[in-house]
Each structure stands twice: as C-alpha cells, then as structure tokens.
C-alpha cells in the first residue's frame, strides 16, 4: 500500500492536490523571497526566544523527516515579539534536505538554494478554535562543520528507519540559531499535507553552517521502515509556490 503522501514520483508534491485541496490555495508555502520586493516594516518587533533545554524530549523518524519534539504544556520554551502578539510555545523542529549539496531547502531567497532548511514550529494554544502556528526557519549553508548540530547528528544513528525514536533531552535549540535574528515574514501554509493555510512564517536572513560530511549523515536516514525495501530519505522538500497577492515584510532595511 502506498503512503497517503510522500516525496516519491507517485505520491510527491506534484500529486498532493489530488488528495489535499489546500494545495491549490492562494496562501501556500514555501515561496521564493525576492529581497528587493520585501517591504521594510518598522512595526515588526525583534524576536525574543527563551528556550528551556529540559523541554526537549524525543528524536524520531516519522518517514518524512526527522524531528525533535518538545514538552509544550507550559510556557517554558517560548517565542515573543516578531510579527505577532502573545507568545508561542515551541513544539518541534525538523529539517528538509536534498540528495546532494546544491539543493534541499524549501524556501529560497532570490532563487538561491541551500542544502538544508531547519524549521521550528511554535503554537499559540490560546487561539480558539485552532491554535495559531508560527514557523521560524533558517538555512544551512555549506561551509565548516557545525559543532552545534553534533548532538542531533549522533542521535540519527538510532533512528535510521521510519517509526524509530530515541530519548533526546537537555538540548537548547537556540544554539542552532545565528547571532543576528533579522527576518522576513509572510502569511503561508504548512509545507506538508494537509497544507493548512494557518502559518505565519519567519525566515531568518542569516544562515548557519553545515559541512558536506554532516549533510551526508542526514542522507543516511530512510523513508522506509525496518523490513521494507530501503529508500534513502532525500529531497524531502516541497518546491516553491506562487506568491499571488501576498506581501513579504522585513524587519530590517
């Protein structure tokens, strides 16, 4: 039986609209950000992140990516400021990457591709009936080994196949972020089915480094479960979608 959706030829992004009508909406993500078209908005607040390393819980392979889940029942790891009011709790982060180092990110800036993109998902659970979602994303740019990724990369050995998970504790995701938190922001959607148009995206301008050797570790993971014909987890990204009438705002001039 074929998975409901995935990144294969028969169930990949070009087929998602067959089962998920949101795919054809006007607020879809990812997008290509054209930097000269972005509008500086002086009302955009700086991002205030306070993450508690004890909220990190589990590293898992869900068959589409790997993700780290955080305990989000209390206001321990939260984001304030940015383009939003109120505060949002970190619930998980995950990555998207390619089959080689010249592609793999979902969003692009002026058409430039990086080998991977990190996406942190934050929820405001007080927004009724559905929690408002915030996605913070940053690019991994090819360069030096990034020691802040090492704990995650070491954990990947234990979750090679779909469905595997391992305890992952005492990790502060703020070590993954660049020093400068200048950002672009726009209204968009989840980049995986059901593709709900309920996400405010925050795209960081500054990248973090990743080496070719570290990227190779990502590609050791499998889309497939134990006992299935192994299929390497690569190219788990959705291509850019039309901007339509949306405006991308920037926190910097």
C-alpha atoms as a PDB file:
ATOM      1  CA  UNK A   1       0.000   0.000   0.000  1.00  0.00           C
ATOM      2  CA  UNK A   2       1.250   3.418  -0.942  1.00  0.00           C
ATOM      3  CA  UNK A   3       1.666   6.105   1.717  1.00  0.00           C
ATOM      4  CA  UNK A   4      -1.049   8.773   1.539  1.00  0.00           C
ATOM      5  CA  UNK A   5       1.642  11.327   0.682  1.00  0.00           C
ATOM      6  CA  UNK A   6       5.377  11.442   0.464  1.00  0.00           C
ATOM      7  CA  UNK A   7       8.175  12.658  -1.776  1.00  0.00           C
ATOM      8  CA  UNK A   8       8.161   9.848  -4.349  1.00  0.00           C
ATOM      9  CA  UNK A   9       7.258  10.007  -8.037  1.00  0.00           C
ATOM     10  CA  UNK A  10       3.758   8.686  -7.376  1.00  0.00           C
ATOM     11  CA  UNK A  11       2.869  10.484  -4.129  1.00  0.00           C
ATOM     12  CA  UNK A  12       5.153  13.553  -4.125  1.00  0.00           C
ATOM     13  CA  UNK A  13       4.294  17.273  -4.103  1.00  0.00           C
ATOM     14  CA  UNK A  14       3.020  17.319  -7.699  1.00  0.00           C
ATOM     15  CA  UNK A  15       0.266  14.865  -6.615  1.00  0.00           C
ATOM     16  CA  UNK A  16      -0.709  16.398  -3.279  1.00  0.00           C
ATOM     17  CA  UNK A  17      -3.553  18.457  -4.766  1.00  0.00           C
ATOM     18  CA  UNK A  18      -5.310  15.194  -5.701  1.00  0.00           C
ATOM     19  CA  UNK A  19      -5.970  14.471  -2.028  1.00  0.00           C
ATOM     20  CA  UNK A  20      -5.439  17.786  -0.283  1.00  0.00           C
ATOM     21  CA  UNK A  21      -7.371  20.659  -1.831  1.00  0.00           C
ATOM     22  CA  UNK A  22      -5.434  23.255   0.184  1.00  0.00           C
ATOM     23  CA  UNK A  23      -2.544  22.581  -2.212  1.00  0.00           C
ATOM     24  CA  UNK A  24      -4.190  24.873  -4.744  1.00  0.00           C
ATOM     25  CA  UNK A  25      -4.839  27.719  -2.284  1.00  0.00           C
ATOM     26  CA  UNK A  26      -3.528  31.269  -2.595  1.00  0.00           C
ATOM     27  CA  UNK A  27      -1.508  31.197   0.653  1.00  0.00           C
ATOM     28  CA  UNK A  28       0.727  28.195   0.077  1.00  0.00           C
ATOM     29  CA  UNK A  29       4.304  27.694   1.253  1.00  0.00           C
ATOM     30  CA  UNK A  30       7.206  27.629   0.632  1.00  0.00           C
ATOM     31  CA  UNK A  31       7.899  30.686  -1.528  1.00  0.00           C
ATOM     32  CA  UNK A  32      10.861  32.364  -3.161  1.00  0.00           C
ATOM     33  CA  UNK A  33      11.517  35.629  -1.339  1.00  0.00           C
ATOM     34  CA  UNK A  34      12.583  38.412  -3.704  1.00  0.00           C
ATOM     35  CA  UNK A  35      14.601  40.565  -1.347  1.00  0.00           C
ATOM     36  CA  UNK A  36      14.165  43.830  -3.242  1.00  0.00           C
ATOM     37  CA  UNK A  37      10.357  43.393  -3.239  1.00  0.00           C
ATOM     38  CA  UNK A  38      10.182  42.836   0.531  1.00  0.00           C
ATOM     39  CA  UNK A  39       8.728  45.814   2.402  1.00  0.00           C
ATOM     40  CA  UNK A  40      10.531  47.089   5.498  1.00  0.00           C
ATOM     41  CA  UNK A  41       8.013  47.336   8.356  1.00  0.00           C
ATOM     42  CA  UNK A  42       9.204  49.375  11.360  1.00  0.00           C
ATOM     43  CA  UNK A  43       6.386  47.892  13.461  1.00  0.00           C
ATOM     44  CA  UNK A  44       7.927  44.417  13.341  1.00  0.00           C
ATOM     45  CA  UNK A  45       9.377  43.572  16.758  1.00  0.00           C
ATOM     46  CA  UNK A  46      12.684  41.796  17.424  1.00  0.00           C
ATOM     47  CA  UNK A  47      12.333  38.072  18.103  1.00  0.00           C
ATOM     48  CA  UNK A  48      12.584  37.151  21.787  1.00  0.00           C
ATOM     49  CA  UNK A  49      13.315  33.470  22.232  1.00  0.00           C
ATOM     50  CA  UNK A  50      13.657  31.765  25.568  1.00  0.00           C
ATOM     51  CA  UNK A  51      14.114  28.025  25.333  1.00  0.00           C
ATOM     52  CA  UNK A  52      14.454  25.662  28.284  1.00  0.00           C
ATOM     53  CA  UNK A  53      16.744  22.702  27.435  1.00  0.00           C
ATOM     54  CA  UNK A  54      14.749  20.402  29.760  1.00  0.00           C
ATOM     55  CA  UNK A  55      11.721  20.638  27.431  1.00  0.00           C
ATOM     56  CA  UNK A  56      13.469  18.600  24.693  1.00  0.00           C
ATOM     57  CA  UNK A  57      12.003  15.085  24.752  1.00  0.00           C
ATOM     58  CA  UNK A  58      12.274  12.800  21.726  1.00  0.00           C
ATOM     59  CA  UNK A  59      14.111  12.483  18.409  1.00  0.00           C
ATOM     60  CA  UNK A  60      12.147  10.472  15.856  1.00  0.00           C
ATOM     61  CA  UNK A  61      11.999   9.415  12.198  1.00  0.00           C
ATOM     62  CA  UNK A  62       8.421   9.963  11.011  1.00  0.00           C
ATOM     63  CA  UNK A  63       9.025   8.709   7.477  1.00  0.00           C
ATOM     64  CA  UNK A  64       9.107  12.237   6.017  1.00  0.00           C
ATOM     65  CA  UNK A  65      11.897  13.846   8.041  1.00  0.00           C
ATOM     66  CA  UNK A  66      13.350  13.531  11.497  1.00  0.00           C
ATOM     67  CA  UNK A  67      12.088  15.764  14.255  1.00  0.00           C
ATOM     68  CA  UNK A  68      12.779  16.713  17.838  1.00  0.00           C
ATOM     69  CA  UNK A  69       9.661  17.081  19.992  1.00  0.00           C
ATOM     70  CA  UNK A  70       9.389  19.428  22.956  1.00  0.00           C
ATOM     71  CA  UNK A  71       7.154  19.412  26.002  1.00  0.00           C
ATOM     72  CA  UNK A  72       4.699  22.262  25.359  1.00  0.00           C
ATOM     73  CA  UNK A  73       2.151  22.019  28.173  1.00  0.00           C
ATOM     74  CA  UNK A  74       3.673  25.019  29.976  1.00  0.00           C
ATOM     75  CA  UNK A  75       5.286  28.305  28.983  1.00  0.00           C
ATOM     76  CA  UNK A  76       8.844  27.037  29.295  1.00  0.00           C
ATOM     77  CA  UNK A  77      10.161  27.320  25.740  1.00  0.00           C
ATOM     78  CA  UNK A  78       8.506  30.332  24.169  1.00  0.00           C
ATOM     79  CA  UNK A  79       8.824  32.965  21.491  1.00  0.00           C
ATOM     80  CA  UNK A  80       7.591  36.509  21.904  1.00  0.00           C
ATOM     81  CA  UNK A  81       7.807  39.539  19.630  1.00  0.00           C
ATOM     82  CA  UNK A  82       8.315  39.226  15.913  1.00  0.00           C
ATOM     83  CA  UNK A  83       5.278  39.817  13.694  1.00  0.00           C
ATOM     84  CA  UNK A  84       2.835  38.506  16.311  1.00  0.00           C
ATOM     85  CA  UNK A  85       1.176  39.346  19.596  1.00  0.00           C
ATOM     86  CA  UNK A  86       1.119  36.993  22.548  1.00  0.00           C
ATOM     87  CA  UNK A  87       3.520  34.132  22.982  1.00  0.00           C
ATOM     88  CA  UNK A  88       4.034  30.862  21.199  1.00  0.00           C
ATOM     89  CA  UNK A  89       5.345  27.579  22.607  1.00  0.00           C
ATOM     90  CA  UNK A  90       7.967  25.538  20.770  1.00  0.00           C
ATOM     91  CA  UNK A  91       6.521  22.109  19.957  1.00  0.00           C
ATOM     92  CA  UNK A  92       9.032  20.630  17.489  1.00  0.00           C
ATOM     93  CA  UNK A  93      11.722  21.272  14.941  1.00  0.00           C
ATOM     94  CA  UNK A  94      12.611  19.312  11.809  1.00  0.00           C
ATOM     95  CA  UNK A  95      14.728  19.633   8.670  1.00  0.00           C
ATOM     96  CA  UNK A  96      14.316  19.406   4.887  1.00  0.00           C
ATOM     97  CA  UNK A  97      17.255  18.474   2.637  1.00  0.00           C
ATOM     98  CA  UNK A  98      18.288  17.331  -0.819  1.00  0.00           C
ATOM     99  CA  UNK A  99      20.070  14.394  -2.428  1.00  0.00           C
ATOM    100  CA  UNK A 100      23.225  16.476  -2.882  1.00  0.00           C
ATOM    101  CA  UNK A 101      24.615  19.727  -1.547  1.00  0.00           C
ATOM    102  CA  UNK A 102      23.259  22.100  -4.197  1.00  0.00           C
ATOM    103  CA  UNK A 103      19.576  21.841  -3.215  1.00  0.00           C
ATOM    104  CA  UNK A 104      17.322  20.794  -0.363  1.00  0.00           C
ATOM    105  CA  UNK A 105      15.817  23.898   1.236  1.00  0.00           C
ATOM    106  CA  UNK A 106      12.135  24.683   0.739  1.00  0.00           C
ATOM    107  CA  UNK A 107      12.049  28.488   0.846  1.00  0.00           C
ATOM    108  CA  UNK A 108      14.570  30.318  -1.309  1.00  0.00           C
ATOM    109  CA  UNK A 109      15.812  33.908  -1.253  1.00  0.00           C
ATOM    110  CA  UNK A 110      16.370  35.460  -4.697  1.00  0.00           C
ATOM    111  CA  UNK A 111      16.324  31.931  -6.110  1.00  0.00           C
ATOM    112  CA  UNK A 112      19.319  30.732  -4.084  1.00  0.00           C
ATOM    113  CA  UNK A 113      19.191  27.110  -2.910  1.00  0.00           C
ATOM    114  CA  UNK A 114      20.913  25.774   0.196  1.00  0.00           C
ATOM    115  CA  UNK A 115      21.451  22.083   1.075  1.00  0.00           C
ATOM    116  CA  UNK A 116      19.008  22.142   4.005  1.00  0.00           C
ATOM    117  CA  UNK A 117      16.459  24.164   5.933  1.00  0.00           C
ATOM    118  CA  UNK A 118      15.642  23.976   9.643  1.00  0.00           C
ATOM    119  CA  UNK A 119      12.044  24.655  10.634  1.00  0.00           C
ATOM    120  CA  UNK A 120      10.904  25.310  14.209  1.00  0.00           C
ATOM    121  CA  UNK A 121       7.160  25.035  14.820  1.00  0.00           C
ATOM    122  CA  UNK A 122       5.635  27.175  17.553  1.00  0.00           C
ATOM    123  CA  UNK A 123       1.980  27.138  18.622  1.00  0.00           C
ATOM    124  CA  UNK A 124      -0.226  29.608  20.421  1.00  0.00           C
ATOM    125  CA  UNK A 125      -2.637  27.213  22.109  1.00  0.00           C
ATOM    126  CA  UNK A 126      -4.920  30.008  23.305  1.00  0.00           C
ATOM    127  CA  UNK A 127      -6.097  30.823  19.782  1.00  0.00           C
ATOM    128  CA  UNK A 128      -9.534  29.182  19.549  1.00  0.00           C
ATOM    129  CA  UNK A 129     -10.738  27.034  17.797  1.00  0.00           C
ATOM    130  CA  UNK A 130      -7.440  26.182  16.123  1.00  0.00           C
ATOM    131  CA  UNK A 131      -4.049  27.067  17.550  1.00  0.00           C
ATOM    132  CA  UNK A 132      -2.211  29.713  15.524  1.00  0.00           C
ATOM    133  CA  UNK A 133       1.070  28.410  14.131  1.00  0.00           C
ATOM    134  CA  UNK A 134       4.350  30.161  13.711  1.00  0.00           C
ATOM    135  CA  UNK A 135       7.192  28.733  11.665  1.00  0.00           C
ATOM    136  CA  UNK A 136      10.729  30.001  12.170  1.00  0.00           C
ATOM    137  CA  UNK A 137      13.116  28.829   9.544  1.00  0.00           C
ATOM    138  CA  UNK A 138      16.746  29.178   8.762  1.00  0.00           C
ATOM    139  CA  UNK A 139      19.081  27.936   6.080  1.00  0.00           C
ATOM    140  CA  UNK A 140      22.020  25.621   6.477  1.00  0.00           C
ATOM    141  CA  UNK A 141      24.711  26.968   4.191  1.00  0.00           C
ATOM    142  CA  UNK A 142      27.554  24.751   3.014  1.00  0.00           C
ATOM    143  CA  UNK A 143      30.739  25.536   4.923  1.00  0.00           C
ATOM    144  CA  UNK A 144      32.544  24.390   8.048  1.00  0.00           C
ATOM    145  CA  UNK A 145      31.460  21.614  10.385  1.00  0.00           C
ATOM    146  CA  UNK A 146      28.804  22.990  12.741  1.00  0.00           C
ATOM    147  CA  UNK A 147      29.508  21.649  16.264  1.00  0.00           C
ATOM    148  CA  UNK A 148      26.032  22.710  17.427  1.00  0.00           C
ATOM    149  CA  UNK A 149      24.477  20.099  15.132  1.00  0.00           C
ATOM    150  CA  UNK A 150      26.594  17.261  16.515  1.00  0.00           C
ATOM    151  CA  UNK A 151      24.240  16.050  19.241  1.00  0.00           C
ATOM    152  CA  UNK A 152      21.445  15.759  16.672  1.00  0.00           C
ATOM    153  CA  UNK A 153      23.668  14.004  14.123  1.00  0.00           C
ATOM    154  CA  UNK A 154      24.812  11.496  16.766  1.00  0.00           C
ATOM    155  CA  UNK A 155      21.173  10.694  17.510  1.00  0.00           C
ATOM    156  CA  UNK A 156      20.380   9.915  13.862  1.00  0.00           C
ATOM    157  CA  UNK A 157      22.258   6.599  14.148  1.00  0.00           C
ATOM    158  CA  UNK A 158      19.439   5.330  16.390  1.00  0.00           C
ATOM    159  CA  UNK A 159      16.514   6.353  14.172  1.00  0.00           C
ATOM    160  CA  UNK A 160      17.591   5.228  10.728  1.00  0.00           C
ATOM    161  CA  UNK A 161      14.232   3.680   9.819  1.00  0.00           C
ATOM    162  CA  UNK A 162      10.724   5.132   9.808  1.00  0.00           C
ATOM    163  CA  UNK A 163       8.996   4.778  13.169  1.00  0.00           C
ATOM    164  CA  UNK A 164      12.180   4.705  15.239  1.00  0.00           C
ATOM    165  CA  UNK A 165      12.538   7.133  18.133  1.00  0.00           C
ATOM    166  CA  UNK A 166      15.032   7.806  20.902  1.00  0.00           C
ATOM    167  CA  UNK A 167      15.039   9.976  24.033  1.00  0.00           C
ATOM    168  CA  UNK A 168      16.595  13.344  23.302  1.00  0.00           C
ATOM    169  CA  UNK A 169      16.967  15.535  26.371  1.00  0.00           C
ATOM    170  CA  UNK A 170      18.789  18.562  27.679  1.00  0.00           C
ATOM    171  CA  UNK A 171      19.088  20.339  24.342  1.00  0.00           C
ATOM    172  CA  UNK A 172      18.685  24.069  23.820  1.00  0.00           C
ATOM    173  CA  UNK A 173      17.649  24.779  20.212  1.00  0.00           C
ATOM    174  CA  UNK A 174      18.777  28.391  20.488  1.00  0.00           C
ATOM    175  CA  UNK A 175      22.354  27.142  19.932  1.00  0.00           C
ATOM    176  CA  UNK A 176      21.268  26.389  16.350  1.00  0.00           C
ATOM    177  CA  UNK A 177      20.276  29.984  15.634  1.00  0.00           C
ATOM    178  CA  UNK A 178      22.522  32.642  14.099  1.00  0.00           C
ATOM    179  CA  UNK A 179      23.631  35.666  16.143  1.00  0.00           C
ATOM    180  CA  UNK A 180      21.575  38.095  14.083  1.00  0.00           C
ATOM    181  CA  UNK A 181      17.808  37.448  14.057  1.00  0.00           C
ATOM    182  CA  UNK A 182      16.800  39.837  11.242  1.00  0.00           C
ATOM    183  CA  UNK A 183      13.895  38.239   9.375  1.00  0.00           C
ATOM    184  CA  UNK A 184      11.351  38.316   6.586  1.00  0.00           C
ATOM    185  CA  UNK A 185       7.758  37.365   7.371  1.00  0.00           C
ATOM    186  CA  UNK A 186       4.689  36.444   5.345  1.00  0.00           C
ATOM    187  CA  UNK A 187       1.367  34.554   5.741  1.00  0.00           C
ATOM    188  CA  UNK A 188       1.540  30.978   4.453  1.00  0.00           C
ATOM    189  CA  UNK A 189       0.808  27.316   4.986  1.00  0.00           C
ATOM    190  CA  UNK A 190       2.201  24.087   6.299  1.00  0.00           C
ATOM    191  CA  UNK A 191       4.626  22.738   3.681  1.00  0.00           C
ATOM    192  CA  UNK A 192       3.404  19.171   4.201  1.00  0.00           C
ATOM    193  CA  UNK A 193      -0.166  17.823   3.925  1.00  0.00           C
ATOM    194  CA  UNK A 194      -2.770  18.838   4.933  1.00  0.00           C
ATOM    195  CA  UNK A 195      -1.119  22.149   3.860  1.00  0.00           C
ATOM    196  CA  UNK A 196      -3.377  24.260   6.126  1.00  0.00           C
ATOM    197  CA  UNK A 197      -3.047  27.985   5.486  1.00  0.00           C
ATOM    198  CA  UNK A 198      -2.587  28.834   9.154  1.00  0.00           C
ATOM    199  CA  UNK A 199       1.115  29.628   9.471  1.00  0.00           C
ATOM    200  CA  UNK A 200       2.912  32.942   9.907  1.00  0.00           C
ATOM    201  CA  UNK A 201       6.399  32.282   8.562  1.00  0.00           C
ATOM    202  CA  UNK A 202       9.509  33.972   9.929  1.00  0.00           C
ATOM    203  CA  UNK A 203      12.504  33.452   7.628  1.00  0.00           C
ATOM    204  CA  UNK A 204      15.845  34.368   9.173  1.00  0.00           C
ATOM    205  CA  UNK A 205      18.174  36.346   6.924  1.00  0.00           C
ATOM    206  CA  UNK A 206      21.393  34.920   8.375  1.00  0.00           C
ATOM    207  CA  UNK A 207      22.385  31.310   7.709  1.00  0.00           C
ATOM    208  CA  UNK A 208      24.190  28.731   9.847  1.00  0.00           C
ATOM    209  CA  UNK A 209      26.934  26.498   8.502  1.00  0.00           C
ATOM    210  CA  UNK A 210      26.868  22.784   7.777  1.00  0.00           C
ATOM    211  CA  UNK A 211      29.621  20.697   6.216  1.00  0.00           C
ATOM    212  CA  UNK A 212      29.310  18.264   3.343  1.00  0.00           C
ATOM    213  CA  UNK A 213      30.164  15.429   5.728  1.00  0.00           C
ATOM    214  CA  UNK A 214      27.419  16.442   8.125  1.00  0.00           C
ATOM    215  CA  UNK A 215      24.883  16.630   5.275  1.00  0.00           C
ATOM    216  CA  UNK A 216      25.834  13.063   4.309  1.00  0.00           C
ATOM    217  CA  UNK A 217      24.605  11.922   7.751  1.00  0.00           C
ATOM    218  CA  UNK A 218      21.143  13.323   7.023  1.00  0.00           C
ATOM    219  CA  UNK A 219      21.025  11.249   3.841  1.00  0.00           C
ATOM    220  CA  UNK A 220      21.768   8.021   5.724  1.00  0.00           C
ATOM    221  CA  UNK A 221      18.219   8.098   7.083  1.00  0.00           C
ATOM    222  CA  UNK A 222      15.498   6.065   5.383  1.00  0.00           C
ATOM    223  CA  UNK A 223      11.926   6.913   4.341  1.00  0.00           C
ATOM    224  CA  UNK A 224      11.183   3.231   4.891  1.00  0.00           C
ATOM    225  CA  UNK A 225      10.525   1.112   7.989  1.00  0.00           C
ATOM    226  CA  UNK A 226      12.548  -1.894   9.098  1.00  0.00           C
ATOM    227  CA  UNK A 227      11.867  -4.877   6.834  1.00  0.00           C
ATOM    228  CA  UNK A 228      10.809  -2.714   3.871  1.00  0.00           C
ATOM    229  CA  UNK A 229      12.865  -2.231   0.731  1.00  0.00           C
ATOM    230  CA  UNK A 230      15.196   0.582   1.916  1.00  0.00           C
ATOM    231  CA  UNK A 231      14.734   4.016   0.360  1.00  0.00           C
ATOM    232  CA  UNK A 232      17.066   6.875   1.326  1.00  0.00           C
ATOM    233  CA  UNK A 233      15.483   9.954   2.870  1.00  0.00           C
ATOM    234  CA  UNK A 234      16.450  12.691   0.410  1.00  0.00           C
ATOM    235  CA  UNK A 235      14.667  15.512  -1.417  1.00  0.00           C
ATOM    236  CA  UNK A 236      12.012  15.778   1.296  1.00  0.00           C
ATOM    237  CA  UNK A 237      11.102  19.319   0.327  1.00  0.00           C
ATOM    238  CA  UNK A 238       8.186  20.954  -1.442  1.00  0.00           C
ATOM    239  CA  UNK A 239       9.047  23.261  -4.375  1.00  0.00           C
ATOM    240  CA  UNK A 240       8.257  26.988  -4.150  1.00  0.00           C
ATOM    241  CA  UNK A 241       4.619  28.006  -4.632  1.00  0.00           C
ATOM    242  CA  UNK A 242       3.172  31.145  -6.278  1.00  0.00           C
ATOM    243  CA  UNK A 243       3.178  34.263  -4.097  1.00  0.00           C
ATOM    244  CA  UNK A 244      -0.169  35.508  -5.520  1.00  0.00           C
ATOM    245  CA  UNK A 245      -1.111  38.775  -3.775  1.00  0.00           C
ATOM    246  CA  UNK A 246       0.917  38.347  -0.619  1.00  0.00           C
ATOM    247  CA  UNK A 247       3.407  40.885   0.659  1.00  0.00           C
ATOM    248  CA  UNK A 248       6.670  39.806   2.280  1.00  0.00           C
ATOM    249  CA  UNK A 249       7.699  42.192   5.069  1.00  0.00           C
ATOM    250  CA  UNK A 250      11.185  42.580   6.503  1.00  0.00           C
ATOM    251  CA  UNK A 251      12.351  43.566   9.986  1.00  0.00           C
ATOM    252  CA  UNK A 252      15.449  45.235   8.545  1.00  0.00           C
ATOM    253  CA  UNK A 253      16.219  47.886   5.938  1.00  0.00           C
END
